[in-house]
Amino acid sequence: MTEKTDKTIPYDRIGVIGAGAWGTALAAIAVRAGRSVSLWAREPEVVESITRTQQNALFLAGIALPPLACTGDMEAATAGAQALLVVVPAQYLRTSLLEVSLHAPSGIPLVICAKGIERSTGKLVTEVFGEIAPGFEPAILSGPSFARDAATGLPTAVTIAARPGIARRLQASLSHATFRPYASDDIIGVALGGAAKNVYAIASGMVDGLGLGESARAALLARSFSELVRLGEALGARAETLAGLSGLGDLVLTATSPSSRNFTFGRELGRGRSLTELCASGRSLAEGFATAPALVIRARKEHIELPVAETVASVLDGSLPLDAAIVRLMSRPLKPE
């Protein structure tokens, strides 16, 4: 795609739907980029916290936010918006889009900021969008980005995919000194990269928790990326997208950092914690837990083999003991790379 120019007109009024850590961070980014922002939160305590203290004490504690309007009223949050960032977990995207579409001005861009695959259908988040909100402009934002880093102003780069003109306007709307969006029109590639990396981050964490060494983890990540490229080709994603920020970049971040919920979830499994304990009520569950079986379902529909993702899914559904998972992967038939 061509680079945005100084003539690109940003969207001035942006609504952000979902005030978890990433939604709150994106709302702060938009304010710092000069936009007028309304943030919608489902939790009354989040609305109260942001309104009273300019902090999201529940999801992003300790970080001072710029002046930011927060509401629990969906109609108020979407009124007059020129673009909406929809920042909800992938498994709740369908119901959230239904609610948003009842209130949002018709035809505006809805930017999906979820990373995952719908567990019940194996559909990418952009495909769910196509079913639920066909009267709006589809877009997706993804990349190697921790909410706390972005919210505190540490340098962060992401990819925004949409129709070229829309992508450039969204790029101009959010760009500022410490947040750099790159524009793309490969919606499928950006959606797939953001989803699959969570599954492979769990696998990477398992290797770390089992104490198998850095060499094993590097090999695992290389083979994981190979799986991502294989499935991406079948779905029509571009190789350069998968090798970019929203594919390889996000995989490197999520699969190597203890700040990643998915990596940490896998590492705790590797150290001997049980699934029951890790999935206990009240814990923030890693997105890759739901995405793993959905990724496998989608790959099988496309007749694509994903040995690493299939192994992770089998461990997570309890059908494969963790110690047998490594044996399964290492004993596969030898083949050319």
C-alpha atoms as a PDB file:
ATOM      1  CA  MET A   1       0.000   0.000   0.000  1.00  0.00           C
ATOM      2  CA  THR A   2       1.069   3.590  -0.503  1.00  0.00           C
ATOM      3  CA  GLU A   3       2.136   5.546   2.551  1.00  0.00           C
ATOM      4  CA  LYS A   4      -0.370   7.995   4.007  1.00  0.00           C
ATOM      5  CA  THR A   5       0.229  11.597   3.044  1.00  0.00           C
ATOM      6  CA  ASP A   6      -0.237  14.835   4.939  1.00  0.00           C
ATOM      7  CA  LYS A   7      -3.500  15.295   3.010  1.00  0.00           C
ATOM      8  CA  THR A   8      -5.069  12.228   4.640  1.00  0.00           C
ATOM      9  CA  ILE A   9      -7.954  13.420   6.800  1.00  0.00           C
ATOM     10  CA  PRO A  10      -8.196  11.624  10.155  1.00  0.00           C
ATOM     11  CA  TYR A  11     -11.451  10.599  11.788  1.00  0.00           C
ATOM     12  CA  ASP A  12     -11.937  13.228  14.475  1.00  0.00           C
ATOM     13  CA  ARG A  13     -14.562  11.487  16.623  1.00  0.00           C
ATOM     14  CA  ILE A  14     -13.717   7.929  17.681  1.00  0.00           C
ATOM     15  CA  GLY A  15     -15.650   5.593  19.936  1.00  0.00           C
ATOM     16  CA  VAL A  16     -13.939   2.731  21.752  1.00  0.00           C
ATOM     17  CA  ILE A  17     -16.151  -0.196  22.708  1.00  0.00           C
ATOM     18  CA  GLY A  18     -14.642  -2.186  25.559  1.00  0.00           C
ATOM     19  CA  ALA A  19     -12.622  -0.795  28.461  1.00  0.00           C
ATOM     20  CA  GLY A  20     -10.364  -3.689  29.310  1.00  0.00           C
ATOM     21  CA  ALA A  21      -6.635  -3.032  29.352  1.00  0.00           C
ATOM     22  CA  TRP A  22      -6.226  -2.825  25.560  1.00  0.00           C
ATOM     23  CA  GLY A  23      -9.411  -0.846  24.962  1.00  0.00           C
ATOM     24  CA  THR A  24      -8.391   1.674  27.616  1.00  0.00           C
ATOM     25  CA  ALA A  25      -4.904   1.932  26.124  1.00  0.00           C
ATOM     26  CA  LEU A  26      -6.293   2.514  22.612  1.00  0.00           C
ATOM     27  CA  ALA A  27      -8.644   5.184  23.920  1.00  0.00           C
ATOM     28  CA  ALA A  28      -5.678   6.950  25.546  1.00  0.00           C
ATOM     29  CA  ILE A  29      -3.683   6.647  22.302  1.00  0.00           C
ATOM     30  CA  ALA A  30      -6.522   8.222  20.301  1.00  0.00           C
ATOM     31  CA  VAL A  31      -6.778  11.120  22.750  1.00  0.00           C
ATOM     32  CA  ARG A  32      -3.023  11.718  22.549  1.00  0.00           C
ATOM     33  CA  ALA A  33      -3.305  11.670  18.762  1.00  0.00           C
ATOM     34  CA  GLY A  34      -5.732  14.591  19.021  1.00  0.00           C
ATOM     35  CA  ARG A  35      -9.019  12.786  18.602  1.00  0.00           C
ATOM     36  CA  SER A  36     -12.273  13.288  20.485  1.00  0.00           C
ATOM     37  CA  VAL A  37     -12.895   9.942  22.192  1.00  0.00           C
ATOM     38  CA  SER A  38     -15.754   8.251  24.005  1.00  0.00           C
ATOM     39  CA  LEU A  39     -14.941   4.980  25.804  1.00  0.00           C
ATOM     40  CA  TRP A  40     -17.696   2.473  26.566  1.00  0.00           C
ATOM     41  CA  ALA A  41     -17.321   0.124  29.542  1.00  0.00           C
ATOM     42  CA  ARG A  42     -19.644  -2.694  30.517  1.00  0.00           C
ATOM     43  CA  GLU A  43     -18.514  -2.569  34.166  1.00  0.00           C
ATOM     44  CA  PRO A  44     -19.949   0.326  36.224  1.00  0.00           C
ATOM     45  CA  GLU A  45     -16.869   0.297  38.449  1.00  0.00           C
ATOM     46  CA  VAL A  46     -14.656   0.999  35.431  1.00  0.00           C
ATOM     47  CA  VAL A  47     -16.829   3.946  34.384  1.00  0.00           C
ATOM     48  CA  GLU A  48     -16.658   5.280  37.931  1.00  0.00           C
ATOM     49  CA  SER A  49     -12.906   4.769  38.241  1.00  0.00           C
ATOM     50  CA  ILE A  50     -12.023   6.484  34.951  1.00  0.00           C
ATOM     51  CA  THR A  51     -14.503   9.317  35.503  1.00  0.00           C
ATOM     52  CA  ARG A  52     -13.391  10.014  39.053  1.00  0.00           C
ATOM     53  CA  THR A  53      -9.648   9.302  38.975  1.00  0.00           C
ATOM     54  CA  GLN A  54      -8.643   9.123  35.276  1.00  0.00           C
ATOM     55  CA  GLN A  55      -7.376   5.582  35.915  1.00  0.00           C
ATOM     56  CA  ASN A  56      -8.800   2.172  35.089  1.00  0.00           C
ATOM     57  CA  ALA A  57      -8.179   0.615  38.467  1.00  0.00           C
ATOM     58  CA  LEU A  58      -9.694  -2.735  37.458  1.00  0.00           C
ATOM     59  CA  PHE A  59      -7.826  -3.463  34.218  1.00  0.00           C
ATOM     60  CA  LEU A  60      -4.928  -1.009  33.959  1.00  0.00           C
ATOM     61  CA  ALA A  61      -4.105  -0.062  37.516  1.00  0.00           C
ATOM     62  CA  GLY A  62      -1.514   2.581  38.253  1.00  0.00           C
ATOM     63  CA  ILE A  63      -1.506   4.245  34.822  1.00  0.00           C
ATOM     64  CA  ALA A  64      -2.664   7.854  34.584  1.00  0.00           C
ATOM     65  CA  LEU A  65      -4.893   8.392  31.554  1.00  0.00           C
ATOM     66  CA  PRO A  66      -5.362  11.588  29.553  1.00  0.00           C
ATOM     67  CA  PRO A  67      -8.741  13.335  29.959  1.00  0.00           C
ATOM     68  CA  LEU A  68     -11.143  10.682  28.719  1.00  0.00           C
ATOM     69  CA  ALA A  69     -14.928  10.424  28.623  1.00  0.00           C
ATOM     70  CA  CYS A  70     -16.149   7.008  29.780  1.00  0.00           C
ATOM     71  CA  THR A  71     -19.745   5.795  29.753  1.00  0.00           C
ATOM     72  CA  GLY A  72     -21.801   2.668  30.206  1.00  0.00           C
ATOM     73  CA  ASP A  73     -24.375   3.888  27.668  1.00  0.00           C
ATOM     74  CA  MET A  74     -23.777   2.343  24.238  1.00  0.00           C
ATOM     75  CA  GLU A  75     -25.908   4.948  22.469  1.00  0.00           C
ATOM     76  CA  ALA A  76     -23.920   7.771  24.033  1.00  0.00           C
ATOM     77  CA  ALA A  77     -20.594   6.108  23.209  1.00  0.00           C
ATOM     78  CA  THR A  78     -21.451   5.673  19.526  1.00  0.00           C
ATOM     79  CA  ALA A  79     -23.385   8.889  18.903  1.00  0.00           C
ATOM     80  CA  GLY A  80     -21.618  10.996  16.307  1.00  0.00           C
ATOM     81  CA  ALA A  81     -18.686   8.583  16.014  1.00  0.00           C
ATOM     82  CA  GLN A  82     -16.877   8.575  12.684  1.00  0.00           C
ATOM     83  CA  ALA A  83     -15.108   5.288  13.505  1.00  0.00           C
ATOM     84  CA  LEU A  84     -15.399   2.720  16.272  1.00  0.00           C
ATOM     85  CA  LEU A  85     -12.697   0.516  17.769  1.00  0.00           C
ATOM     86  CA  VAL A  86     -14.334  -2.707  18.977  1.00  0.00           C
ATOM     87  CA  VAL A  87     -12.077  -4.057  21.711  1.00  0.00           C
ATOM     88  CA  VAL A  88     -13.737  -7.143  23.169  1.00  0.00           C
ATOM     89  CA  PRO A  89     -12.510 -10.757  23.500  1.00  0.00           C
ATOM     90  CA  ALA A  90     -12.893 -12.774  20.313  1.00  0.00           C
ATOM     91  CA  GLN A  91     -15.336 -15.236  21.873  1.00  0.00           C
ATOM     92  CA  TYR A  92     -17.721 -12.368  22.703  1.00  0.00           C
ATOM     93  CA  LEU A  93     -17.313 -10.489  19.433  1.00  0.00           C
ATOM     94  CA  ARG A  94     -20.497 -11.809  17.788  1.00  0.00           C
ATOM     95  CA  THR A  95     -22.813 -10.629  20.569  1.00  0.00           C
ATOM     96  CA  SER A  96     -20.898  -7.360  20.963  1.00  0.00           C
ATOM     97  CA  LEU A  97     -21.172  -6.557  17.247  1.00  0.00           C
ATOM     98  CA  LEU A  98     -24.901  -7.210  17.380  1.00  0.00           C
ATOM     99  CA  GLU A  99     -25.211  -4.659  20.175  1.00  0.00           C
ATOM    100  CA  VAL A 100     -22.913  -2.124  18.501  1.00  0.00           C
ATOM    101  CA  SER A 101     -24.690  -2.368  15.140  1.00  0.00           C
ATOM    102  CA  LEU A 102     -27.982  -1.353  16.751  1.00  0.00           C
ATOM    103  CA  HIS A 103     -26.545   2.011  17.795  1.00  0.00           C
ATOM    104  CA  ALA A 104     -23.575   2.920  15.578  1.00  0.00           C
ATOM    105  CA  PRO A 105     -24.020   5.272  12.605  1.00  0.00           C
ATOM    106  CA  SER A 106     -24.434   3.108   9.509  1.00  0.00           C
ATOM    107  CA  GLY A 107     -21.467   2.721   7.179  1.00  0.00           C
ATOM    108  CA  ILE A 108     -18.701   3.884   9.506  1.00  0.00           C
ATOM    109  CA  PRO A 109     -15.545   1.774  10.018  1.00  0.00           C
ATOM    110  CA  LEU A 110     -15.737  -0.787  12.817  1.00  0.00           C
ATOM    111  CA  VAL A 111     -12.163  -1.664  13.717  1.00  0.00           C
ATOM    112  CA  ILE A 112     -11.909  -5.134  15.251  1.00  0.00           C
ATOM    113  CA  CYS A 113      -9.169  -5.164  17.894  1.00  0.00           C
ATOM    114  CA  ALA A 114      -9.741  -8.741  19.089  1.00  0.00           C
ATOM    115  CA  LYS A 115      -7.208 -11.527  18.505  1.00  0.00           C
ATOM    116  CA  GLY A 116      -8.738 -14.956  18.177  1.00  0.00           C
ATOM    117  CA  ILE A 117     -10.943 -17.374  16.243  1.00  0.00           C
ATOM    118  CA  GLU A 118     -14.547 -18.077  17.151  1.00  0.00           C
ATOM    119  CA  ARG A 119     -14.458 -21.417  18.922  1.00  0.00           C
ATOM    120  CA  SER A 120     -17.887 -22.674  17.857  1.00  0.00           C
ATOM    121  CA  THR A 121     -17.404 -22.002  14.130  1.00  0.00           C
ATOM    122  CA  GLY A 122     -13.669 -21.734  13.402  1.00  0.00           C
ATOM    123  CA  LYS A 123     -14.316 -18.312  11.822  1.00  0.00           C
ATOM    124  CA  LEU A 124     -11.825 -15.459  11.874  1.00  0.00           C
ATOM    125  CA  VAL A 125     -13.004 -12.317  13.648  1.00  0.00           C
ATOM    126  CA  THR A 126     -13.312 -10.568  10.295  1.00  0.00           C
ATOM    127  CA  GLU A 127     -15.580 -13.334   9.019  1.00  0.00           C
ATOM    128  CA  VAL A 128     -17.802 -12.935  12.080  1.00  0.00           C
ATOM    129  CA  PHE A 129     -17.883  -9.224  11.271  1.00  0.00           C
ATOM    130  CA  GLY A 130     -19.059  -9.981   7.722  1.00  0.00           C
ATOM    131  CA  GLU A 131     -21.994 -11.987   9.048  1.00  0.00           C
ATOM    132  CA  ILE A 132     -23.113  -9.575  11.764  1.00  0.00           C
ATOM    133  CA  ALA A 133     -22.246  -6.080  10.513  1.00  0.00           C
ATOM    134  CA  PRO A 134     -22.263  -6.073   6.684  1.00  0.00           C
ATOM    135  CA  GLY A 135     -23.510  -2.476   6.617  1.00  0.00           C
ATOM    136  CA  PHE A 136     -20.265  -1.166   8.120  1.00  0.00           C
ATOM    137  CA  GLU A 137     -16.703  -0.773   6.856  1.00  0.00           C
ATOM    138  CA  PRO A 138     -14.566  -3.731   8.028  1.00  0.00           C
ATOM    139  CA  ALA A 139     -11.163  -3.040   9.563  1.00  0.00           C
ATOM    140  CA  ILE A 140      -8.812  -4.757  11.970  1.00  0.00           C
ATOM    141  CA  LEU A 141      -5.985  -3.545  14.211  1.00  0.00           C
ATOM    142  CA  SER A 142      -3.355  -5.997  15.426  1.00  0.00           C
ATOM    143  CA  GLY A 143       0.350  -6.284  16.133  1.00  0.00           C
ATOM    144  CA  PRO A 144       2.986  -6.747  18.848  1.00  0.00           C
ATOM    145  CA  SER A 145       1.506  -4.587  21.566  1.00  0.00           C
ATOM    146  CA  PHE A 146       1.096  -4.916  25.310  1.00  0.00           C
ATOM    147  CA  ALA A 147      -1.558  -2.572  26.671  1.00  0.00           C
ATOM    148  CA  ARG A 148       0.614  -1.312  29.520  1.00  0.00           C
ATOM    149  CA  ASP A 149       3.492  -0.435  27.168  1.00  0.00           C
ATOM    150  CA  ALA A 150       1.224   1.464  24.785  1.00  0.00           C
ATOM    151  CA  ALA A 151      -0.714   3.225  27.535  1.00  0.00           C
ATOM    152  CA  THR A 152       2.457   4.510  29.199  1.00  0.00           C
ATOM    153  CA  GLY A 153       3.832   5.862  25.932  1.00  0.00           C
ATOM    154  CA  LEU A 154       6.475   3.272  25.154  1.00  0.00           C
ATOM    155  CA  PRO A 155       7.139   2.985  21.396  1.00  0.00           C
ATOM    156  CA  THR A 156       4.607   0.612  19.784  1.00  0.00           C
ATOM    157  CA  ALA A 157       3.846  -0.299  16.169  1.00  0.00           C
ATOM    158  CA  VAL A 158       0.785  -2.139  14.846  1.00  0.00           C
ATOM    159  CA  THR A 159      -0.945  -2.915  11.554  1.00  0.00           C
ATOM    160  CA  ILE A 160      -4.357  -1.571  10.561  1.00  0.00           C
ATOM    161  CA  ALA A 161      -6.000  -3.426   7.672  1.00  0.00           C
ATOM    162  CA  ALA A 162      -8.996  -2.133   5.728  1.00  0.00           C
ATOM    163  CA  ARG A 163      -9.825  -0.818   2.279  1.00  0.00           C
ATOM    164  CA  PRO A 164      -6.851   1.404   1.336  1.00  0.00           C
ATOM    165  CA  GLY A 165      -8.521   4.774   1.838  1.00  0.00           C
ATOM    166  CA  ILE A 166     -10.081   3.690   5.121  1.00  0.00           C
ATOM    167  CA  ALA A 167      -6.816   2.196   6.379  1.00  0.00           C
ATOM    168  CA  ARG A 168      -4.936   5.422   5.677  1.00  0.00           C
ATOM    169  CA  ARG A 169      -7.518   7.514   7.517  1.00  0.00           C
ATOM    170  CA  LEU A 170      -7.418   5.192  10.524  1.00  0.00           C
ATOM    171  CA  GLN A 171      -3.625   5.291  10.394  1.00  0.00           C
ATOM    172  CA  ALA A 172      -3.703   9.097  10.468  1.00  0.00           C
ATOM    173  CA  SER A 173      -6.281   9.057  13.265  1.00  0.00           C
ATOM    174  CA  LEU A 174      -4.174   7.081  15.752  1.00  0.00           C
ATOM    175  CA  SER A 175      -0.598   7.948  14.830  1.00  0.00           C
ATOM    176  CA  HIS A 176       1.492  10.018  17.208  1.00  0.00           C
ATOM    177  CA  ALA A 177       5.030  10.196  18.571  1.00  0.00           C
ATOM    178  CA  THR A 178       5.040   6.792  20.298  1.00  0.00           C
ATOM    179  CA  PHE A 179       2.352   4.881  18.411  1.00  0.00           C
ATOM    180  CA  ARG A 180       3.002   3.991  14.758  1.00  0.00           C
ATOM    181  CA  PRO A 181       0.288   2.200  12.766  1.00  0.00           C
ATOM    182  CA  TYR A 182       1.151   0.679   9.383  1.00  0.00           C
ATOM    183  CA  ALA A 183      -1.617   0.448   6.777  1.00  0.00           C
ATOM    184  CA  SER A 184      -2.565  -2.730   4.922  1.00  0.00           C
ATOM    185  CA  ASP A 185      -5.472  -4.092   2.926  1.00  0.00           C
ATOM    186  CA  ASP A 186      -4.798  -7.742   3.889  1.00  0.00           C
ATOM    187  CA  ILE A 187      -7.605  -8.172   6.403  1.00  0.00           C
ATOM    188  CA  ILE A 188      -7.349 -11.979   6.405  1.00  0.00           C
ATOM    189  CA  GLY A 189      -3.611 -12.010   7.059  1.00  0.00           C
ATOM    190  CA  VAL A 190      -3.839  -9.549   9.945  1.00  0.00           C
ATOM    191  CA  ALA A 191      -6.761 -11.440  11.515  1.00  0.00           C
ATOM    192  CA  LEU A 192      -5.056 -14.828  11.226  1.00  0.00           C
ATOM    193  CA  GLY A 193      -1.689 -13.685  12.560  1.00  0.00           C
ATOM    194  CA  GLY A 194      -3.237 -12.097  15.633  1.00  0.00           C
ATOM    195  CA  ALA A 195      -5.236 -15.236  16.398  1.00  0.00           C
ATOM    196  CA  ALA A 196      -2.713 -18.002  15.772  1.00  0.00           C
ATOM    197  CA  LYS A 197       0.151 -16.450  17.718  1.00  0.00           C
ATOM    198  CA  ASN A 198      -1.721 -16.964  21.000  1.00  0.00           C
ATOM    199  CA  VAL A 199      -1.813 -20.727  20.438  1.00  0.00           C
ATOM    200  CA  TYR A 200       1.881 -20.892  19.613  1.00  0.00           C
ATOM    201  CA  ALA A 201       2.703 -18.700  22.608  1.00  0.00           C
ATOM    202  CA  ILE A 202       1.123 -21.333  24.863  1.00  0.00           C
ATOM    203  CA  ALA A 203       3.309 -23.975  23.198  1.00  0.00           C
ATOM    204  CA  SER A 204       6.380 -21.793  23.737  1.00  0.00           C
ATOM    205  CA  GLY A 205       5.471 -21.374  27.388  1.00  0.00           C
ATOM    206  CA  MET A 206       5.108 -25.141  27.774  1.00  0.00           C
ATOM    207  CA  VAL A 207       8.628 -25.650  26.418  1.00  0.00           C
ATOM    208  CA  ASP A 208       9.964 -23.042  28.842  1.00  0.00           C
ATOM    209  CA  GLY A 209       8.086 -24.507  31.803  1.00  0.00           C
ATOM    210  CA  LEU A 210       9.338 -27.997  31.040  1.00  0.00           C
ATOM    211  CA  GLY A 211      12.905 -26.698  31.008  1.00  0.00           C
ATOM    212  CA  LEU A 212      13.615 -27.972  27.496  1.00  0.00           C
ATOM    213  CA  GLY A 213      16.006 -25.151  26.651  1.00  0.00           C
ATOM    214  CA  GLU A 214      16.312 -22.220  24.280  1.00  0.00           C
ATOM    215  CA  SER A 215      17.220 -24.390  21.292  1.00  0.00           C
ATOM    216  CA  ALA A 216      13.948 -26.295  21.616  1.00  0.00           C
ATOM    217  CA  ARG A 217      11.976 -23.090  21.922  1.00  0.00           C
ATOM    218  CA  ALA A 218      13.615 -21.561  18.840  1.00  0.00           C
ATOM    219  CA  ALA A 219      12.845 -24.698  16.830  1.00  0.00           C
ATOM    220  CA  LEU A 220       9.251 -24.674  18.058  1.00  0.00           C
ATOM    221  CA  LEU A 221       8.737 -21.034  17.072  1.00  0.00           C
ATOM    222  CA  ALA A 222      10.221 -21.601  13.614  1.00  0.00           C
ATOM    223  CA  ARG A 223       7.906 -24.561  12.998  1.00  0.00           C
ATOM    224  CA  SER A 224       4.976 -22.611  14.445  1.00  0.00           C
ATOM    225  CA  PHE A 225       5.574 -19.786  12.005  1.00  0.00           C
ATOM    226  CA  SER A 226       5.746 -22.327   9.185  1.00  0.00           C
ATOM    227  CA  GLU A 227       2.294 -23.584  10.204  1.00  0.00           C
ATOM    228  CA  LEU A 228       0.947 -20.037  10.249  1.00  0.00           C
ATOM    229  CA  VAL A 229       2.246 -19.398   6.724  1.00  0.00           C
ATOM    230  CA  ARG A 230       0.766 -22.680   5.442  1.00  0.00           C
ATOM    231  CA  LEU A 231      -2.682 -21.917   6.734  1.00  0.00           C
ATOM    232  CA  GLY A 232      -2.421 -18.298   5.660  1.00  0.00           C
ATOM    233  CA  GLU A 233      -1.698 -19.311   2.076  1.00  0.00           C
ATOM    234  CA  ALA A 234      -4.784 -21.547   2.069  1.00  0.00           C
ATOM    235  CA  LEU A 235      -6.968 -18.713   3.352  1.00  0.00           C
ATOM    236  CA  GLY A 236      -5.618 -16.130   0.916  1.00  0.00           C
ATOM    237  CA  ALA A 237      -3.378 -14.147   3.273  1.00  0.00           C
ATOM    238  CA  ARG A 238      -0.236 -12.565   1.887  1.00  0.00           C
ATOM    239  CA  ALA A 239       3.161 -13.877   2.957  1.00  0.00           C
ATOM    240  CA  GLU A 240       4.513 -10.389   3.632  1.00  0.00           C
ATOM    241  CA  THR A 241       1.660  -9.719   6.065  1.00  0.00           C
ATOM    242  CA  LEU A 242       2.398 -12.894   8.018  1.00  0.00           C
ATOM    243  CA  ALA A 243       6.099 -11.963   8.101  1.00  0.00           C
ATOM    244  CA  GLY A 244       5.233  -8.491   9.389  1.00  0.00           C
ATOM    245  CA  LEU A 245       4.051  -6.886  12.610  1.00  0.00           C
ATOM    246  CA  SER A 246       0.710  -8.676  12.889  1.00  0.00           C
ATOM    247  CA  GLY A 247       2.203 -12.112  12.195  1.00  0.00           C
ATOM    248  CA  LEU A 248       5.834 -12.799  13.051  1.00  0.00           C
ATOM    249  CA  GLY A 249       6.174  -9.622  15.109  1.00  0.00           C
ATOM    250  CA  ASP A 250       3.268 -10.484  17.369  1.00  0.00           C
ATOM    251  CA  LEU A 251       4.394 -14.114  17.600  1.00  0.00           C
ATOM    252  CA  VAL A 252       7.865 -13.080  18.803  1.00  0.00           C
ATOM    253  CA  LEU A 253       6.434 -10.783  21.471  1.00  0.00           C
ATOM    254  CA  THR A 254       3.700 -13.074  22.749  1.00  0.00           C
ATOM    255  CA  ALA A 255       5.727 -16.290  22.673  1.00  0.00           C
ATOM    256  CA  THR A 256       8.798 -14.979  24.495  1.00  0.00           C
ATOM    257  CA  SER A 257       7.623 -12.557  27.157  1.00  0.00           C
ATOM    258  CA  PRO A 258       6.531 -13.343  30.728  1.00  0.00           C
ATOM    259  CA  SER A 259       4.174 -10.370  30.359  1.00  0.00           C
ATOM    260  CA  SER A 260       2.152 -12.451  27.887  1.00  0.00           C
ATOM    261  CA  ARG A 261      -0.823 -14.244  29.434  1.00  0.00           C
ATOM    262  CA  ASN A 262      -0.590 -16.978  26.795  1.00  0.00           C
ATOM    263  CA  PHE A 263       3.126 -17.620  27.333  1.00  0.00           C
ATOM    264  CA  THR A 264       2.670 -17.571  31.105  1.00  0.00           C
ATOM    265  CA  PHE A 265      -0.315 -19.925  30.884  1.00  0.00           C
ATOM    266  CA  GLY A 266       1.779 -22.445  28.933  1.00  0.00           C
ATOM    267  CA  ARG A 267       4.751 -22.031  31.234  1.00  0.00           C
ATOM    268  CA  GLU A 268       2.621 -22.752  34.292  1.00  0.00           C
ATOM    269  CA  LEU A 269       1.295 -25.894  32.598  1.00  0.00           C
ATOM    270  CA  GLY A 270       4.873 -26.937  31.896  1.00  0.00           C
ATOM    271  CA  ARG A 271       5.776 -26.409  35.539  1.00  0.00           C
ATOM    272  CA  GLY A 272       3.054 -28.802  36.621  1.00  0.00           C
ATOM    273  CA  ARG A 273       0.060 -26.573  37.387  1.00  0.00           C
ATOM    274  CA  SER A 274      -3.226 -28.237  36.468  1.00  0.00           C
ATOM    275  CA  LEU A 275      -5.704 -27.009  33.885  1.00  0.00           C
ATOM    276  CA  THR A 276      -8.346 -26.965  36.595  1.00  0.00           C
ATOM    277  CA  GLU A 277      -6.308 -24.576  38.682  1.00  0.00           C
ATOM    278  CA  LEU A 278      -5.329 -22.330  35.770  1.00  0.00           C
ATOM    279  CA  CYS A 279      -8.905 -22.163  34.515  1.00  0.00           C
ATOM    280  CA  ALA A 280     -10.339 -21.479  37.957  1.00  0.00           C
ATOM    281  CA  SER A 281     -13.062 -18.876  38.214  1.00  0.00           C
ATOM    282  CA  GLY A 282     -11.748 -15.360  38.629  1.00  0.00           C
ATOM    283  CA  ARG A 283      -8.580 -15.860  36.589  1.00  0.00           C
ATOM    284  CA  SER A 284      -8.121 -13.985  33.320  1.00  0.00           C
ATOM    285  CA  LEU A 285      -7.958 -16.868  30.872  1.00  0.00           C
ATOM    286  CA  ALA A 286      -5.445 -16.781  28.008  1.00  0.00           C
ATOM    287  CA  GLU A 287      -7.159 -16.202  24.650  1.00  0.00           C
ATOM    288  CA  GLY A 288      -5.182 -19.064  23.111  1.00  0.00           C
ATOM    289  CA  PHE A 289      -7.081 -21.546  25.288  1.00  0.00           C
ATOM    290  CA  ALA A 290     -10.238 -21.007  23.226  1.00  0.00           C
ATOM    291  CA  THR A 291      -8.411 -20.302  19.978  1.00  0.00           C
ATOM    292  CA  ALA A 292      -6.414 -23.570  19.869  1.00  0.00           C
ATOM    293  CA  PRO A 293      -9.323 -25.918  19.070  1.00  0.00           C
ATOM    294  CA  ALA A 294     -10.860 -23.311  16.742  1.00  0.00           C
ATOM    295  CA  LEU A 295      -7.585 -22.967  14.825  1.00  0.00           C
ATOM    296  CA  VAL A 296      -7.419 -26.735  14.399  1.00  0.00           C
ATOM    297  CA  ILE A 297     -11.037 -26.880  13.211  1.00  0.00           C
ATOM    298  CA  ARG A 298     -10.370 -24.195  10.627  1.00  0.00           C
ATOM    299  CA  ALA A 299      -7.156 -25.832   9.413  1.00  0.00           C
ATOM    300  CA  ARG A 300      -8.868 -29.196   8.963  1.00  0.00           C
ATOM    301  CA  LYS A 301     -11.583 -27.549   6.878  1.00  0.00           C
ATOM    302  CA  GLU A 302      -8.797 -26.305   4.616  1.00  0.00           C
ATOM    303  CA  HIS A 303      -7.002 -29.707   4.685  1.00  0.00           C
ATOM    304  CA  ILE A 304      -3.951 -28.121   6.321  1.00  0.00           C
ATOM    305  CA  GLU A 305      -1.940 -30.009   8.936  1.00  0.00           C
ATOM    306  CA  LEU A 306      -0.846 -28.014  12.010  1.00  0.00           C
ATOM    307  CA  PRO A 307       1.124 -30.425  14.244  1.00  0.00           C
ATOM    308  CA  VAL A 308       2.079 -27.839  16.883  1.00  0.00           C
ATOM    309  CA  ALA A 309      -1.393 -26.316  17.153  1.00  0.00           C
ATOM    310  CA  GLU A 310      -3.012 -29.770  17.192  1.00  0.00           C
ATOM    311  CA  THR A 311      -0.714 -30.838  20.019  1.00  0.00           C
ATOM    312  CA  VAL A 312      -1.545 -27.730  22.046  1.00  0.00           C
ATOM    313  CA  ALA A 313      -5.270 -28.305  21.527  1.00  0.00           C
ATOM    314  CA  SER A 314      -4.946 -31.934  22.642  1.00  0.00           C
ATOM    315  CA  VAL A 315      -3.079 -30.923  25.800  1.00  0.00           C
ATOM    316  CA  LEU A 316      -5.670 -28.275  26.600  1.00  0.00           C
ATOM    317  CA  ASP A 317      -8.647 -30.596  26.150  1.00  0.00           C
ATOM    318  CA  GLY A 318      -6.980 -33.182  28.413  1.00  0.00           C
ATOM    319  CA  SER A 319      -6.648 -35.898  25.758  1.00  0.00           C
ATOM    320  CA  LEU A 320      -2.834 -35.728  25.635  1.00  0.00           C
ATOM    321  CA  PRO A 321      -0.561 -35.662  28.690  1.00  0.00           C
ATOM    322  CA  LEU A 322       2.001 -32.884  28.537  1.00  0.00           C
ATOM    323  CA  ASP A 323       4.999 -35.214  28.677  1.00  0.00           C
ATOM    324  CA  ALA A 324       3.615 -37.156  25.707  1.00  0.00           C
ATOM    325  CA  ALA A 325       3.217 -33.955  23.672  1.00  0.00           C
ATOM    326  CA  ILE A 326       6.936 -33.532  23.128  1.00  0.00           C
ATOM    327  CA  VAL A 327       7.297 -37.191  22.203  1.00  0.00           C
ATOM    328  CA  ARG A 328       4.521 -36.781  19.615  1.00  0.00           C
ATOM    329  CA  LEU A 329       6.224 -33.807  17.974  1.00  0.00           C
ATOM    330  CA  MET A 330       9.756 -35.238  18.043  1.00  0.00           C
ATOM    331  CA  SER A 331       8.722 -38.625  16.661  1.00  0.00           C
ATOM    332  CA  ARG A 332       6.928 -37.312  13.581  1.00  0.00           C
ATOM    333  CA  PRO A 333       8.267 -38.672  10.258  1.00  0.00           C
ATOM    334  CA  LEU A 334      11.449 -36.981   9.070  1.00  0.00           C
ATOM    335  CA  LYS A 335      10.910 -34.617   6.138  1.00  0.00           C
ATOM    336  CA  PRO A 336      12.565 -31.774   4.218  1.00  0.00           C
ATOM    337  CA  GLU A 337      12.134 -28.301   5.668  1.00  0.00           C
END
